[in-house]
Amino acid sequence: MTLQHQPPESLAVFPLPIFLLPGGATRLRIFEQRYLRMVKEASRGDGFALTVLDPNRPESCTPIAAWVSITDFATLPDGLLSIDVMANQLVELTNIHSEPDGLRRATITHYPHWPEHGQSLDNQQLATLLENLFAEHPELNNLYPAPRWQNANWVCARWLELLPINATSKVGFLAADSFTECERQLINMVVDKTSCAE
């Protein structure tokens, strides 16, 4: 399903305990009527905003979201709808409000993320370990038919999404200047620990 290059002026908002960065993909199960309506609207080409669920914020939404498109869908054996989504870019949410059925909607503006970074030795190690992880988990390969192992931003973003850390703890890495700190922490958590275990 192809989206326009720029997000529309407003989008439906789906708060979940899921953290997604540009280029990231995930599979969602949809069952509430308001979100079935959201999927129907999103399938026309606009997509929707996937934001981290945070009960401490107004409307339970973080103000930065991933603008996602639906890449695949299926009906599960239990009758629920499954959709695969991929994040196109980050967007800032303003004027968040709830419609009569509870579906949130917000005004959308582009939010810049990390500028492109060149590959480093440390990032090559992260890429190799990520490729090994994908090989062990075929469901990841299914979500990412064209992985970008040589792209430092892509590799760090996928690690950050996959690590079992509370989603609200990852929100600080939405900032455009957070790449260096993200890479440093990933090296400590992934590369150094792997080296110690060998």
Foldseek 3Di string as FASTA:
>chain_A
DAADLFADQKFWEDEDQADAAAFDKDKDWDDDPLVVVRLVVLQVHRAHWYFHQQPVDVLRGDQKTFRKHWDDWDQDPVRIIMTMIGGHAMWGFDPWDADPSGTIMTGTDGDDAADFDFDDPLLLLLLVVVVVVCVVPVVVCVNCVPQDSRGSVSSLRVVLRPDPDGSVVSVVNRHHPCSVVSSVVCCVVPVVVVVVVD
